[in-house]
Amino acid sequence: MMPRLVPLLLAVGLLTALLASPSAGGAVVAVPGTLGGSSLVYSFAFANVDGQQQDIRVLLHLPPQPDARLPLTVLVALHGYGGNGGAFSLPLLAETDRLGWAVVAPTIQYRDWHDPALVCRDARDDLPGLRAILRDLPGRTGLRFQPRALLYGFSRGAQFAHRFALAYPQLVAGVAAMSAGTYTLPQAAWREPNGTATTLNMPYGVSDLQRYSGEPFSLAGLRQVPFWIGVGANDHESQDVPRNWDQYIGDCRVDRATAFVGALQSLGVSVRLQQFANTSHVETDEMRAAALEFLRSLPAASPRPAAEPSLAPSA
């Protein structure tokens, strides 16, 4: 049975403030569900791929009557640069409660995403970190979960979402990524127009992905993951994104989304691109609704029993 969540806060605004506040330390804080479900904020410790100890703040929101919805579908909500899990996930909770999904929303202190070396350092920490968070859910709650999670990310969170799918496709049921500033291509080499081949290491490609994830890249696994890539049609300012990726995916978010989609399609990965008219670099209600509609259409979003062994509590 799920442990009893003790009501301590009366407003969801306080929940958001708590996620952003360093004063919560490593304490586990339970808060009442605002939409019929229950939310838990906790500090999660894990080791990155090099064995270094890390700590991350996590919001876990469970739908009403979770015991009646097993195995639970998990939606991972990944905020953008400078954001936090509580504020980013809040607009999703009414729909996820209605659908009976659990929501995992970590608060991540991203490094400077303009610097490729720092993007790689983030990957070294964050990729195994999210994997550990998902594996911890059954033991933390006493509930069973679908073996593959749905990923939803905006901007820097969209970067994290698609890289997690590249790293651990066996844990991902689908990806909705909006307005990423950079992408990692699902290929180990880049061929120049003159025929010269260049190795594509992280964060440009997956040649050395195992250094950051602990697991080799699996194209066969990636082909089992459907993608939805969203971007504002006006999100095309080249000065908004770093130049290092230009030769591989273009010089603005619209071109980069198009290039990433093309790379997935060329490898037989199911992917859909959607541009939003009169929209720049912002997560709109229209974009959110379209992303959730895509994720809702996937088999893992169904409350039916999982086809694979579910994530279950340890005996």
C-alpha atoms as a PDB file:
ATOM      1  CA  MET A   1       0.000   0.000   0.000  1.00  0.00           C
ATOM      2  CA  MET A   2       1.105   3.579  -0.632  1.00  0.00           C
ATOM      3  CA  PRO A   3       2.402   5.298   2.526  1.00  0.00           C
ATOM      4  CA  ARG A   4      -0.004   7.827   4.002  1.00  0.00           C
ATOM      5  CA  LEU A   5       0.802  11.376   2.845  1.00  0.00           C
ATOM      6  CA  VAL A   6       0.520  13.852   5.714  1.00  0.00           C
ATOM      7  CA  PRO A   7      -1.174  17.138   4.700  1.00  0.00           C
ATOM      8  CA  LEU A   8       1.174  20.018   5.538  1.00  0.00           C
ATOM      9  CA  LEU A   9       0.468  22.683   2.937  1.00  0.00           C
ATOM     10  CA  LEU A  10      -2.859  24.100   1.843  1.00  0.00           C
ATOM     11  CA  ALA A  11      -2.003  25.819  -1.431  1.00  0.00           C
ATOM     12  CA  VAL A  12      -0.247  24.586  -4.537  1.00  0.00           C
ATOM     13  CA  GLY A  13       1.608  27.887  -4.725  1.00  0.00           C
ATOM     14  CA  LEU A  14       3.431  26.891  -1.574  1.00  0.00           C
ATOM     15  CA  LEU A  15       4.347  23.590  -3.185  1.00  0.00           C
ATOM     16  CA  THR A  16       6.018  25.422  -6.042  1.00  0.00           C
ATOM     17  CA  ALA A  17       7.858  27.676  -3.620  1.00  0.00           C
ATOM     18  CA  LEU A  18       9.032  24.668  -1.637  1.00  0.00           C
ATOM     19  CA  LEU A  19      10.519  23.003  -4.709  1.00  0.00           C
ATOM     20  CA  ALA A  20      12.518  26.122  -5.477  1.00  0.00           C
ATOM     21  CA  SER A  21      13.631  26.738  -1.887  1.00  0.00           C
ATOM     22  CA  PRO A  22      16.967  25.428  -0.603  1.00  0.00           C
ATOM     23  CA  SER A  23      15.625  25.505   2.959  1.00  0.00           C
ATOM     24  CA  ALA A  24      13.783  22.215   2.484  1.00  0.00           C
ATOM     25  CA  GLY A  25      17.150  20.425   2.580  1.00  0.00           C
ATOM     26  CA  GLY A  26      16.904  16.653   2.359  1.00  0.00           C
ATOM     27  CA  ALA A  27      13.598  16.399   4.201  1.00  0.00           C
ATOM     28  CA  VAL A  28      10.663  14.481   2.790  1.00  0.00           C
ATOM     29  CA  VAL A  29       7.644  16.781   2.710  1.00  0.00           C
ATOM     30  CA  ALA A  30       4.135  15.583   1.922  1.00  0.00           C
ATOM     31  CA  VAL A  31       1.469  17.914   0.592  1.00  0.00           C
ATOM     32  CA  PRO A  32      -2.236  17.421  -0.121  1.00  0.00           C
ATOM     33  CA  GLY A  33      -3.374  16.775  -3.671  1.00  0.00           C
ATOM     34  CA  THR A  34      -4.859  19.875  -5.220  1.00  0.00           C
ATOM     35  CA  LEU A  35      -6.856  18.103  -7.904  1.00  0.00           C
ATOM     36  CA  GLY A  36      -7.864  14.920  -6.149  1.00  0.00           C
ATOM     37  CA  GLY A  37      -4.446  13.308  -6.198  1.00  0.00           C
ATOM     38  CA  SER A  38      -1.550  13.455  -3.745  1.00  0.00           C
ATOM     39  CA  SER A  39       1.849  15.108  -4.113  1.00  0.00           C
ATOM     40  CA  LEU A  40       5.111  14.292  -2.405  1.00  0.00           C
ATOM     41  CA  VAL A  41       8.262  16.413  -2.502  1.00  0.00           C
ATOM     42  CA  TYR A  42      11.476  14.639  -1.570  1.00  0.00           C
ATOM     43  CA  SER A  43      15.231  14.868  -1.922  1.00  0.00           C
ATOM     44  CA  PHE A  44      16.678  11.953  -3.885  1.00  0.00           C
ATOM     45  CA  ALA A  45      20.304  10.824  -3.641  1.00  0.00           C
ATOM     46  CA  PHE A  46      21.992   8.826  -6.417  1.00  0.00           C
ATOM     47  CA  ALA A  47      25.382   8.180  -7.987  1.00  0.00           C
ATOM     48  CA  ASN A  48      26.209   9.467 -11.463  1.00  0.00           C
ATOM     49  CA  VAL A  49      27.895   7.301 -14.083  1.00  0.00           C
ATOM     50  CA  ASP A  50      31.304   7.990 -12.472  1.00  0.00           C
ATOM     51  CA  GLY A  51      30.071   6.950  -9.038  1.00  0.00           C
ATOM     52  CA  GLN A  52      29.942  10.523  -7.707  1.00  0.00           C
ATOM     53  CA  GLN A  53      27.130  11.201  -5.248  1.00  0.00           C
ATOM     54  CA  GLN A  54      24.420  13.593  -6.418  1.00  0.00           C
ATOM     55  CA  ASP A  55      21.204  14.966  -4.966  1.00  0.00           C
ATOM     56  CA  ILE A  56      18.054  16.163  -6.707  1.00  0.00           C
ATOM     57  CA  ARG A  57      14.689  17.515  -5.565  1.00  0.00           C
ATOM     58  CA  VAL A  58      11.703  15.577  -6.946  1.00  0.00           C
ATOM     59  CA  LEU A  59       7.959  16.196  -7.053  1.00  0.00           C
ATOM     60  CA  LEU A  60       5.916  12.994  -7.310  1.00  0.00           C
ATOM     61  CA  HIS A  61       2.200  13.463  -7.954  1.00  0.00           C
ATOM     62  CA  LEU A  62      -0.101  10.443  -7.771  1.00  0.00           C
ATOM     63  CA  PRO A  63      -3.615  10.433  -9.262  1.00  0.00           C
ATOM     64  CA  PRO A  64      -6.761   9.812  -7.217  1.00  0.00           C
ATOM     65  CA  GLN A  65      -7.164   6.174  -6.115  1.00  0.00           C
ATOM     66  CA  PRO A  66      -3.820   5.014  -7.517  1.00  0.00           C
ATOM     67  CA  ASP A  67      -4.349   1.460  -6.219  1.00  0.00           C
ATOM     68  CA  ALA A  68      -7.221   1.073  -8.682  1.00  0.00           C
ATOM     69  CA  ARG A  69      -5.097   2.118 -11.689  1.00  0.00           C
ATOM     70  CA  LEU A  70      -2.135  -0.246 -11.486  1.00  0.00           C
ATOM     71  CA  PRO A  71       0.298  -0.436 -13.118  1.00  0.00           C
ATOM     72  CA  LEU A  72       0.494   3.349 -13.166  1.00  0.00           C
ATOM     73  CA  THR A  73       1.589   5.262 -16.241  1.00  0.00           C
ATOM     74  CA  VAL A  74       4.364   7.740 -15.398  1.00  0.00           C
ATOM     75  CA  LEU A  75       4.725  11.129 -17.066  1.00  0.00           C
ATOM     76  CA  VAL A  76       8.128  12.746 -16.502  1.00  0.00           C
ATOM     77  CA  ALA A  77       7.846  16.553 -16.724  1.00  0.00           C
ATOM     78  CA  LEU A  78      11.175  18.237 -17.490  1.00  0.00           C
ATOM     79  CA  HIS A  79      11.342  21.998 -17.015  1.00  0.00           C
ATOM     80  CA  GLY A  80      13.465  24.485 -18.925  1.00  0.00           C
ATOM     81  CA  TYR A  81      16.590  26.384 -17.908  1.00  0.00           C
ATOM     82  CA  GLY A  82      16.093  28.238 -14.622  1.00  0.00           C
ATOM     83  CA  GLY A  83      12.707  26.600 -13.935  1.00  0.00           C
ATOM     84  CA  ASN A  84      11.553  24.111 -11.327  1.00  0.00           C
ATOM     85  CA  GLY A  85       9.530  20.932 -11.317  1.00  0.00           C
ATOM     86  CA  GLY A  86       6.622  22.241  -9.274  1.00  0.00           C
ATOM     87  CA  ALA A  87       5.822  25.258 -11.442  1.00  0.00           C
ATOM     88  CA  PHE A  88       6.379  23.383 -14.701  1.00  0.00           C
ATOM     89  CA  SER A  89       4.206  20.391 -13.825  1.00  0.00           C
ATOM     90  CA  LEU A  90       1.340  22.351 -12.254  1.00  0.00           C
ATOM     91  CA  PRO A  91      -0.557  23.009 -15.548  1.00  0.00           C
ATOM     92  CA  LEU A  92      -0.405  19.270 -16.319  1.00  0.00           C
ATOM     93  CA  LEU A  93      -1.970  17.907 -13.142  1.00  0.00           C
ATOM     94  CA  ALA A  94      -5.661  18.358 -13.952  1.00  0.00           C
ATOM     95  CA  GLU A  95      -5.252  16.261 -17.099  1.00  0.00           C
ATOM     96  CA  THR A  96      -2.921  13.669 -15.577  1.00  0.00           C
ATOM     97  CA  ASP A  97      -5.299  13.207 -12.631  1.00  0.00           C
ATOM     98  CA  ARG A  98      -8.144  12.681 -15.101  1.00  0.00           C
ATOM     99  CA  LEU A  99      -6.069  10.150 -17.041  1.00  0.00           C
ATOM    100  CA  GLY A 100      -4.832   8.388 -13.913  1.00  0.00           C
ATOM    101  CA  TRP A 101      -1.152   9.077 -14.579  1.00  0.00           C
ATOM    102  CA  ALA A 102       1.576   9.635 -12.024  1.00  0.00           C
ATOM    103  CA  VAL A 103       3.809  12.681 -12.596  1.00  0.00           C
ATOM    104  CA  VAL A 104       7.512  12.851 -11.789  1.00  0.00           C
ATOM    105  CA  ALA A 105       8.917  16.388 -11.955  1.00  0.00           C
ATOM    106  CA  PRO A 106      12.539  16.820 -10.855  1.00  0.00           C
ATOM    107  CA  THR A 107      14.035  20.252 -10.233  1.00  0.00           C
ATOM    108  CA  ILE A 108      17.362  20.333 -12.071  1.00  0.00           C
ATOM    109  CA  GLN A 109      20.167  22.850 -11.728  1.00  0.00           C
ATOM    110  CA  TYR A 110      21.205  22.820 -15.374  1.00  0.00           C
ATOM    111  CA  ARG A 111      24.641  24.118 -16.281  1.00  0.00           C
ATOM    112  CA  ASP A 112      25.151  26.565 -19.165  1.00  0.00           C
ATOM    113  CA  TRP A 113      23.563  24.799 -22.143  1.00  0.00           C
ATOM    114  CA  HIS A 114      25.508  26.975 -24.592  1.00  0.00           C
ATOM    115  CA  ASP A 115      28.730  25.173 -23.619  1.00  0.00           C
ATOM    116  CA  PRO A 116      28.978  21.646 -25.127  1.00  0.00           C
ATOM    117  CA  ALA A 117      31.322  20.479 -22.355  1.00  0.00           C
ATOM    118  CA  LEU A 118      28.810  21.532 -19.687  1.00  0.00           C
ATOM    119  CA  VAL A 119      25.948  19.875 -21.576  1.00  0.00           C
ATOM    120  CA  CYS A 120      27.999  16.675 -21.367  1.00  0.00           C
ATOM    121  CA  ARG A 121      28.559  17.171 -17.632  1.00  0.00           C
ATOM    122  CA  ASP A 122      24.797  17.548 -17.193  1.00  0.00           C
ATOM    123  CA  ALA A 123      24.265  14.327 -19.146  1.00  0.00           C
ATOM    124  CA  ARG A 124      26.731  12.486 -16.920  1.00  0.00           C
ATOM    125  CA  ASP A 125      24.672  13.476 -13.863  1.00  0.00           C
ATOM    126  CA  ASP A 126      21.108  13.794 -15.095  1.00  0.00           C
ATOM    127  CA  LEU A 127      20.714  10.766 -17.362  1.00  0.00           C
ATOM    128  CA  PRO A 128      21.553   8.140 -14.702  1.00  0.00           C
ATOM    129  CA  GLY A 129      19.790  10.331 -12.138  1.00  0.00           C
ATOM    130  CA  LEU A 130      16.417  10.139 -13.844  1.00  0.00           C
ATOM    131  CA  ARG A 131      16.890   6.421 -14.439  1.00  0.00           C
ATOM    132  CA  ALA A 132      17.476   5.973 -10.693  1.00  0.00           C
ATOM    133  CA  ILE A 133      14.412   8.081  -9.830  1.00  0.00           C
ATOM    134  CA  LEU A 134      12.182   5.885 -12.006  1.00  0.00           C
ATOM    135  CA  ARG A 135      13.615   2.677 -10.577  1.00  0.00           C
ATOM    136  CA  ASP A 136      13.048   3.993  -7.047  1.00  0.00           C
ATOM    137  CA  LEU A 137       9.308   4.669  -7.491  1.00  0.00           C
ATOM    138  CA  PRO A 138       7.944   1.207  -6.594  1.00  0.00           C
ATOM    139  CA  GLY A 139       9.925   0.959  -3.381  1.00  0.00           C
ATOM    140  CA  ARG A 140       9.096   4.527  -2.379  1.00  0.00           C
ATOM    141  CA  THR A 141       5.341   4.166  -2.934  1.00  0.00           C
ATOM    142  CA  GLY A 142       4.547   0.456  -2.687  1.00  0.00           C
ATOM    143  CA  LEU A 143       2.830   0.711  -6.081  1.00  0.00           C
ATOM    144  CA  ARG A 144       3.414  -0.915  -9.484  1.00  0.00           C
ATOM    145  CA  PHE A 145       4.290   1.207 -12.510  1.00  0.00           C
ATOM    146  CA  GLN A 146       4.408   0.738 -16.265  1.00  0.00           C
ATOM    147  CA  PRO A 147       7.944  -0.295 -17.307  1.00  0.00           C
ATOM    148  CA  ARG A 148       8.270   2.635 -19.723  1.00  0.00           C
ATOM    149  CA  ALA A 149       7.652   6.285 -18.891  1.00  0.00           C
ATOM    150  CA  LEU A 150       6.270   9.110 -21.019  1.00  0.00           C
ATOM    151  CA  LEU A 151       8.597  12.120 -21.305  1.00  0.00           C
ATOM    152  CA  TYR A 152       7.402  15.724 -21.626  1.00  0.00           C
ATOM    153  CA  GLY A 153       9.945  18.540 -21.859  1.00  0.00           C
ATOM    154  CA  PHE A 154      10.189  22.161 -22.937  1.00  0.00           C
ATOM    155  CA  SER A 155      13.351  24.009 -24.057  1.00  0.00           C
ATOM    156  CA  ARG A 156      16.263  22.723 -21.916  1.00  0.00           C
ATOM    157  CA  GLY A 157      13.875  20.062 -20.639  1.00  0.00           C
ATOM    158  CA  ALA A 158      13.248  18.968 -24.234  1.00  0.00           C
ATOM    159  CA  GLN A 159      17.002  18.513 -24.617  1.00  0.00           C
ATOM    160  CA  PHE A 160      17.008  16.298 -21.541  1.00  0.00           C
ATOM    161  CA  ALA A 161      13.939  14.347 -22.698  1.00  0.00           C
ATOM    162  CA  HIS A 162      15.275  13.321 -26.103  1.00  0.00           C
ATOM    163  CA  ARG A 163      18.755  12.535 -24.742  1.00  0.00           C
ATOM    164  CA  PHE A 164      17.240  10.304 -22.055  1.00  0.00           C
ATOM    165  CA  ALA A 165      15.376   8.425 -24.792  1.00  0.00           C
ATOM    166  CA  LEU A 166      18.626   8.014 -26.742  1.00  0.00           C
ATOM    167  CA  ALA A 167      20.368   6.741 -23.600  1.00  0.00           C
ATOM    168  CA  TYR A 168      17.674   4.430 -22.206  1.00  0.00           C
ATOM    169  CA  PRO A 169      15.048   3.693 -24.874  1.00  0.00           C
ATOM    170  CA  GLN A 170      13.946   0.590 -22.963  1.00  0.00           C
ATOM    171  CA  LEU A 171      12.606   2.912 -20.230  1.00  0.00           C
ATOM    172  CA  VAL A 172      10.729   5.293 -22.562  1.00  0.00           C
ATOM    173  CA  ALA A 173       7.241   4.825 -24.002  1.00  0.00           C
ATOM    174  CA  GLY A 174       7.161   8.121 -25.885  1.00  0.00           C
ATOM    175  CA  VAL A 175       8.670  11.608 -26.024  1.00  0.00           C
ATOM    176  CA  ALA A 176       6.997  14.989 -26.428  1.00  0.00           C
ATOM    177  CA  ALA A 177       9.800  17.551 -26.768  1.00  0.00           C
ATOM    178  CA  MET A 178       9.081  21.228 -27.398  1.00  0.00           C
ATOM    179  CA  SER A 179      11.444  23.953 -28.558  1.00  0.00           C
ATOM    180  CA  ALA A 180      14.821  22.428 -27.757  1.00  0.00           C
ATOM    181  CA  GLY A 181      17.767  24.725 -28.440  1.00  0.00           C
ATOM    182  CA  THR A 182      20.121  21.858 -29.276  1.00  0.00           C
ATOM    183  CA  TYR A 183      19.737  18.190 -30.208  1.00  0.00           C
ATOM    184  CA  THR A 184      21.928  15.129 -30.043  1.00  0.00           C
ATOM    185  CA  LEU A 185      21.661  13.266 -33.339  1.00  0.00           C
ATOM    186  CA  PRO A 186      20.966   9.511 -33.154  1.00  0.00           C
ATOM    187  CA  GLN A 187      24.101   8.697 -35.124  1.00  0.00           C
ATOM    188  CA  ALA A 188      27.747   8.011 -34.365  1.00  0.00           C
ATOM    189  CA  ALA A 189      29.291   9.743 -37.397  1.00  0.00           C
ATOM    190  CA  TRP A 190      28.775  12.747 -39.640  1.00  0.00           C
ATOM    191  CA  ARG A 191      29.585  12.636 -43.324  1.00  0.00           C
ATOM    192  CA  GLU A 192      30.818  15.864 -44.887  1.00  0.00           C
ATOM    193  CA  PRO A 193      29.812  16.815 -48.465  1.00  0.00           C
ATOM    194  CA  ASN A 194      33.260  15.686 -49.663  1.00  0.00           C
ATOM    195  CA  GLY A 195      32.688  12.245 -48.170  1.00  0.00           C
ATOM    196  CA  THR A 196      34.871  12.687 -45.104  1.00  0.00           C
ATOM    197  CA  ALA A 197      33.402  11.025 -42.015  1.00  0.00           C
ATOM    198  CA  THR A 198      33.635  12.696 -38.600  1.00  0.00           C
ATOM    199  CA  THR A 199      32.919  10.927 -35.331  1.00  0.00           C
ATOM    200  CA  LEU A 200      29.950  12.463 -33.537  1.00  0.00           C
ATOM    201  CA  ASN A 201      30.575  12.405 -29.807  1.00  0.00           C
ATOM    202  CA  MET A 202      28.218  13.823 -27.226  1.00  0.00           C
ATOM    203  CA  PRO A 203      26.509  16.240 -27.227  1.00  0.00           C
ATOM    204  CA  TYR A 204      26.340  16.206 -31.050  1.00  0.00           C
ATOM    205  CA  GLY A 205      25.941  12.456 -31.563  1.00  0.00           C
ATOM    206  CA  VAL A 206      25.902   9.132 -29.774  1.00  0.00           C
ATOM    207  CA  SER A 207      29.340   7.689 -30.536  1.00  0.00           C
ATOM    208  CA  ASP A 208      30.427   7.904 -26.889  1.00  0.00           C
ATOM    209  CA  LEU A 209      26.991   8.003 -25.240  1.00  0.00           C
ATOM    210  CA  GLN A 210      27.916   5.077 -23.013  1.00  0.00           C
ATOM    211  CA  ARG A 211      30.390   7.326 -21.161  1.00  0.00           C
ATOM    212  CA  TYR A 212      27.434   9.337 -19.893  1.00  0.00           C
ATOM    213  CA  SER A 213      24.681   6.748 -19.561  1.00  0.00           C
ATOM    214  CA  GLY A 214      26.558   3.577 -18.693  1.00  0.00           C
ATOM    215  CA  GLU A 215      24.845   1.762 -21.585  1.00  0.00           C
ATOM    216  CA  PRO A 216      25.650   1.570 -25.314  1.00  0.00           C
ATOM    217  CA  PHE A 217      23.384   3.300 -27.793  1.00  0.00           C
ATOM    218  CA  SER A 218      20.699   0.961 -29.154  1.00  0.00           C
ATOM    219  CA  LEU A 219      19.135   1.894 -32.487  1.00  0.00           C
ATOM    220  CA  ALA A 220      16.823  -1.114 -32.231  1.00  0.00           C
ATOM    221  CA  GLY A 221      15.629   0.177 -28.880  1.00  0.00           C
ATOM    222  CA  LEU A 222      15.167   3.720 -30.174  1.00  0.00           C
ATOM    223  CA  ARG A 223      12.967   2.437 -32.993  1.00  0.00           C
ATOM    224  CA  GLN A 224      10.465   1.369 -30.312  1.00  0.00           C
ATOM    225  CA  VAL A 225      10.085   4.963 -29.040  1.00  0.00           C
ATOM    226  CA  PRO A 226       7.655   7.337 -30.794  1.00  0.00           C
ATOM    227  CA  PHE A 227       8.546  11.043 -30.788  1.00  0.00           C
ATOM    228  CA  TRP A 228       6.542  14.249 -31.095  1.00  0.00           C
ATOM    229  CA  ILE A 229       8.632  17.366 -31.706  1.00  0.00           C
ATOM    230  CA  GLY A 230       6.956  20.751 -31.314  1.00  0.00           C
ATOM    231  CA  VAL A 231       8.329  24.220 -32.049  1.00  0.00           C
ATOM    232  CA  GLY A 232       6.973  27.721 -32.506  1.00  0.00           C
ATOM    233  CA  ALA A 233       7.040  28.823 -36.136  1.00  0.00           C
ATOM    234  CA  ASN A 234       8.537  32.160 -35.022  1.00  0.00           C
ATOM    235  CA  ASP A 235      11.219  30.511 -32.855  1.00  0.00           C
ATOM    236  CA  HIS A 236      13.859  31.120 -35.501  1.00  0.00           C
ATOM    237  CA  GLU A 237      16.224  33.683 -33.980  1.00  0.00           C
ATOM    238  CA  SER A 238      19.744  32.391 -34.590  1.00  0.00           C
ATOM    239  CA  GLN A 239      21.198  34.498 -31.768  1.00  0.00           C
ATOM    240  CA  ASP A 240      19.101  32.521 -29.272  1.00  0.00           C
ATOM    241  CA  VAL A 241      21.052  29.278 -29.746  1.00  0.00           C
ATOM    242  CA  PRO A 242      24.786  28.381 -29.584  1.00  0.00           C
ATOM    243  CA  ARG A 243      26.779  28.131 -32.782  1.00  0.00           C
ATOM    244  CA  ASN A 244      28.577  24.818 -32.096  1.00  0.00           C
ATOM    245  CA  TRP A 245      25.675  22.765 -33.460  1.00  0.00           C
ATOM    246  CA  ASP A 246      25.113  24.791 -36.656  1.00  0.00           C
ATOM    247  CA  GLN A 247      26.859  22.478 -39.137  1.00  0.00           C
ATOM    248  CA  TYR A 248      24.873  19.483 -37.940  1.00  0.00           C
ATOM    249  CA  ILE A 249      21.346  20.775 -37.330  1.00  0.00           C
ATOM    250  CA  GLY A 250      21.061  24.394 -38.489  1.00  0.00           C
ATOM    251  CA  ASP A 251      21.198  27.768 -36.767  1.00  0.00           C
ATOM    252  CA  CYS A 252      17.758  28.207 -35.152  1.00  0.00           C
ATOM    253  CA  ARG A 253      15.234  26.157 -33.207  1.00  0.00           C
ATOM    254  CA  VAL A 254      12.903  25.658 -36.188  1.00  0.00           C
ATOM    255  CA  ASP A 255      15.708  24.344 -38.418  1.00  0.00           C
ATOM    256  CA  ARG A 256      17.092  22.225 -35.592  1.00  0.00           C
ATOM    257  CA  ALA A 257      13.756  20.604 -34.861  1.00  0.00           C
ATOM    258  CA  THR A 258      13.364  19.845 -38.567  1.00  0.00           C
ATOM    259  CA  ALA A 259      16.874  18.374 -38.774  1.00  0.00           C
ATOM    260  CA  PHE A 260      16.380  16.157 -35.728  1.00  0.00           C
ATOM    261  CA  VAL A 261      13.068  14.882 -37.081  1.00  0.00           C
ATOM    262  CA  GLY A 262      14.713  14.124 -40.417  1.00  0.00           C
ATOM    263  CA  ALA A 263      17.497  12.188 -38.695  1.00  0.00           C
ATOM    264  CA  LEU A 264      14.985  10.083 -36.773  1.00  0.00           C
ATOM    265  CA  GLN A 265      12.925   9.417 -39.891  1.00  0.00           C
ATOM    266  CA  SER A 266      16.000   8.321 -41.837  1.00  0.00           C
ATOM    267  CA  LEU A 267      16.617   5.644 -39.190  1.00  0.00           C
ATOM    268  CA  GLY A 268      13.060   4.331 -39.131  1.00  0.00           C
ATOM    269  CA  VAL A 269      12.028   5.986 -35.870  1.00  0.00           C
ATOM    270  CA  SER A 270       8.398   7.088 -35.597  1.00  0.00           C
ATOM    271  CA  VAL A 271       8.323  10.885 -35.256  1.00  0.00           C
ATOM    272  CA  ARG A 272       5.914  13.736 -35.836  1.00  0.00           C
ATOM    273  CA  LEU A 273       6.848  17.417 -36.242  1.00  0.00           C
ATOM    274  CA  GLN A 274       4.344  20.140 -35.376  1.00  0.00           C
ATOM    275  CA  GLN A 275       4.966  23.864 -35.817  1.00  0.00           C
ATOM    276  CA  PHE A 276       2.775  26.422 -34.074  1.00  0.00           C
ATOM    277  CA  ALA A 277       1.886  29.580 -35.978  1.00  0.00           C
ATOM    278  CA  ASN A 278       2.577  32.983 -34.435  1.00  0.00           C
ATOM    279  CA  THR A 279       4.523  31.375 -31.589  1.00  0.00           C
ATOM    280  CA  SER A 280       8.068  32.139 -30.490  1.00  0.00           C
ATOM    281  CA  HIS A 281      10.014  30.535 -27.636  1.00  0.00           C
ATOM    282  CA  VAL A 282       7.210  29.920 -25.167  1.00  0.00           C
ATOM    283  CA  GLU A 283       5.215  26.937 -23.922  1.00  0.00           C
ATOM    284  CA  THR A 284       1.619  27.771 -24.828  1.00  0.00           C
ATOM    285  CA  ASP A 285      -1.623  26.062 -23.856  1.00  0.00           C
ATOM    286  CA  GLU A 286      -1.981  24.957 -27.483  1.00  0.00           C
ATOM    287  CA  MET A 287       1.433  23.315 -27.465  1.00  0.00           C
ATOM    288  CA  ARG A 288       0.805  21.650 -24.121  1.00  0.00           C
ATOM    289  CA  ALA A 289      -2.531  20.273 -25.297  1.00  0.00           C
ATOM    290  CA  ALA A 290      -1.029  18.928 -28.534  1.00  0.00           C
ATOM    291  CA  ALA A 291       1.834  17.248 -26.683  1.00  0.00           C
ATOM    292  CA  LEU A 292      -0.516  15.613 -24.180  1.00  0.00           C
ATOM    293  CA  GLU A 293      -2.831  14.480 -26.962  1.00  0.00           C
ATOM    294  CA  PHE A 294       0.110  12.735 -28.637  1.00  0.00           C
ATOM    295  CA  LEU A 295       1.215  11.054 -25.415  1.00  0.00           C
ATOM    296  CA  ARG A 296      -2.364  10.065 -24.589  1.00  0.00           C
ATOM    297  CA  SER A 297      -2.595   8.258 -27.946  1.00  0.00           C
ATOM    298  CA  LEU A 298       0.287   5.907 -27.132  1.00  0.00           C
ATOM    299  CA  PRO A 299      -0.288   2.361 -25.843  1.00  0.00           C
ATOM    300  CA  ALA A 300       1.584   3.062 -22.588  1.00  0.00           C
ATOM    301  CA  ALA A 301      -0.938   5.769 -21.706  1.00  0.00           C
ATOM    302  CA  SER A 302      -3.685   3.170 -21.420  1.00  0.00           C
ATOM    303  CA  PRO A 303      -4.676   1.856 -17.976  1.00  0.00           C
ATOM    304  CA  ARG A 304      -4.573  -1.703 -19.381  1.00  0.00           C
ATOM    305  CA  PRO A 305      -1.997  -4.041 -17.837  1.00  0.00           C
ATOM    306  CA  ALA A 306       1.554  -3.555 -19.098  1.00  0.00           C
ATOM    307  CA  ALA A 307       2.714  -5.898 -21.854  1.00  0.00           C
ATOM    308  CA  GLU A 308       6.142  -6.041 -20.222  1.00  0.00           C
ATOM    309  CA  PRO A 309       6.899  -6.779 -16.559  1.00  0.00           C
ATOM    310  CA  SER A 310       5.978  -3.643 -14.634  1.00  0.00           C
ATOM    311  CA  LEU A 311       8.189  -1.749 -12.226  1.00  0.00           C
ATOM    312  CA  ALA A 312       7.134  -3.323  -8.943  1.00  0.00           C
ATOM    313  CA  PRO A 313       8.149  -2.935  -5.299  1.00  0.00           C
ATOM    314  CA  SER A 314      10.936  -5.161  -4.086  1.00  0.00           C
ATOM    315  CA  ALA A 315       9.819  -8.113  -2.030  1.00  0.00           C
END
